[in-house]
Amino acid sequence: MKFLGNVLAVIVGLFIFTILSTLVFFGIIGIIAASSDQEVSVKENTVLHLDLNGRVLVERTVEDDLDLGAFGNPFGGDRSAGLVNLKKSHR
């Protein structure tokens, strides 16, 4: 009976360790992603050159409340950029 109690304790411990490790991993990734945003200063009369990298420019795109970036669509998918998205990203 003591053996089964030890086995159950190890299984529960591994389960909790896995959950905590996953949370810490994604927390570190989030901190790294958030800290990479740097403010850029733009001088007056500067010309903005946009390289859309083969994206199609459409008038509107679908708003996604849960934007996971590259993790949400690892195989490419939609290659369109909306005018609203461009305006939001270049304020």
Protein backbone atom coordinates (compact mmCIF):
# COMPACT_ATOMS: atom_id res chain seq x y z
CA MET A 1 0.00 0.00 0.00
CA LYS A 2 2.87 2.37 0.73
CA PHE A 3 4.28 1.68 -2.76
CA LEU A 4 1.05 2.81 -4.46
CA GLY A 5 1.00 5.94 -2.32
CA ASN A 6 4.53 6.79 -3.41
CA VAL A 7 3.68 6.16 -7.08
CA LEU A 8 0.63 8.41 -6.84
CA ALA A 9 2.70 11.13 -5.13
CA VAL A 10 5.30 11.00 -7.92
CA ILE A 11 2.62 11.21 -10.63
CA VAL A 12 0.92 14.18 -8.97
CA GLY A 13 4.29 15.88 -8.44
CA LEU A 14 5.27 15.43 -12.09
CA PHE A 15 1.90 16.77 -13.23
CA ILE A 16 2.24 19.90 -11.08
CA PHE A 17 5.88 20.36 -12.18
CA THR A 18 4.85 20.15 -15.86
CA ILE A 19 2.13 22.76 -15.44
CA LEU A 20 4.39 25.15 -13.53
CA SER A 21 7.26 24.69 -16.01
CA THR A 22 4.93 25.45 -18.92
CA LEU A 23 3.67 28.63 -17.23
CA VAL A 24 7.20 29.79 -16.47
CA PHE A 25 8.33 29.06 -20.05
CA PHE A 26 5.51 31.09 -21.62
CA GLY A 27 6.04 33.84 -19.04
CA ILE A 28 9.70 34.15 -20.03
CA ILE A 29 8.78 34.17 -23.74
CA GLY A 30 6.20 36.90 -23.04
CA ILE A 31 8.72 39.01 -21.14
CA ILE A 32 11.25 38.69 -23.95
CA ALA A 33 8.64 39.63 -26.56
CA ALA A 34 7.39 42.61 -24.55
CA SER A 35 10.86 43.99 -23.88
CA SER A 36 11.84 44.06 -27.55
CA ASP A 37 9.52 46.99 -28.32
CA GLN A 38 11.67 50.07 -28.64
CA GLU A 39 10.40 53.55 -29.35
CA VAL A 40 11.67 54.96 -32.63
CA SER A 41 12.05 58.66 -33.20
CA VAL A 42 11.16 59.93 -36.68
CA LYS A 43 12.40 63.26 -37.98
CA GLU A 44 10.15 65.66 -39.85
CA ASN A 45 9.66 65.21 -43.62
CA THR A 46 10.72 61.57 -43.42
CA VAL A 47 9.53 59.24 -46.18
CA LEU A 48 8.11 55.90 -45.07
CA HIS A 49 9.03 52.95 -47.29
CA LEU A 50 6.80 49.87 -46.81
CA ASP A 51 8.01 46.46 -47.94
CA LEU A 52 4.95 44.20 -47.77
CA ASN A 53 6.98 41.04 -48.56
CA GLY A 54 4.49 39.65 -51.07
CA ARG A 55 1.41 40.46 -48.99
CA VAL A 56 -1.78 41.53 -50.71
CA LEU A 57 -3.08 44.90 -49.55
CA VAL A 58 -6.84 44.76 -48.98
CA GLU A 59 -9.22 47.37 -47.67
CA ARG A 60 -10.27 45.39 -44.57
CA THR A 61 -9.16 42.28 -42.77
CA VAL A 62 -10.91 40.18 -40.13
CA GLU A 63 -10.28 41.35 -36.58
CA ASP A 64 -8.96 38.53 -34.42
CA ASP A 65 -9.51 38.98 -30.68
CA LEU A 66 -6.98 36.24 -29.90
CA ASP A 67 -3.88 37.18 -31.86
CA LEU A 68 -1.17 34.58 -31.29
CA GLY A 69 1.22 35.90 -33.95
CA ALA A 70 3.40 33.21 -35.51
CA PHE A 71 2.26 30.63 -32.95
CA GLY A 72 -1.36 30.90 -34.08
CA ASN A 73 -0.62 30.17 -37.74
CA PRO A 74 2.73 28.39 -38.08
CA PHE A 75 2.24 27.38 -41.73
CA GLY A 76 1.78 30.83 -43.25
CA GLY A 77 -1.89 31.06 -44.17
CA ASP A 78 -3.40 34.45 -44.92
CA ARG A 79 -0.90 36.74 -46.69
CA SER A 80 -3.07 39.86 -46.71
CA ALA A 81 -2.65 43.12 -44.82
CA GLY A 82 -5.50 45.55 -44.28
CA LEU A 83 -5.29 49.30 -44.44
CA VAL A 84 -6.59 49.51 -40.87
CA ASN A 85 -3.81 47.17 -39.71
CA LEU A 86 -1.18 49.28 -41.47
CA LYS A 87 -2.54 52.45 -39.90
CA LYS A 88 -2.51 50.89 -36.41
CA SER A 89 1.03 49.60 -36.74
CA HIS A 90 2.51 52.91 -37.96
CA ARG A 91 1.23 55.47 -35.47
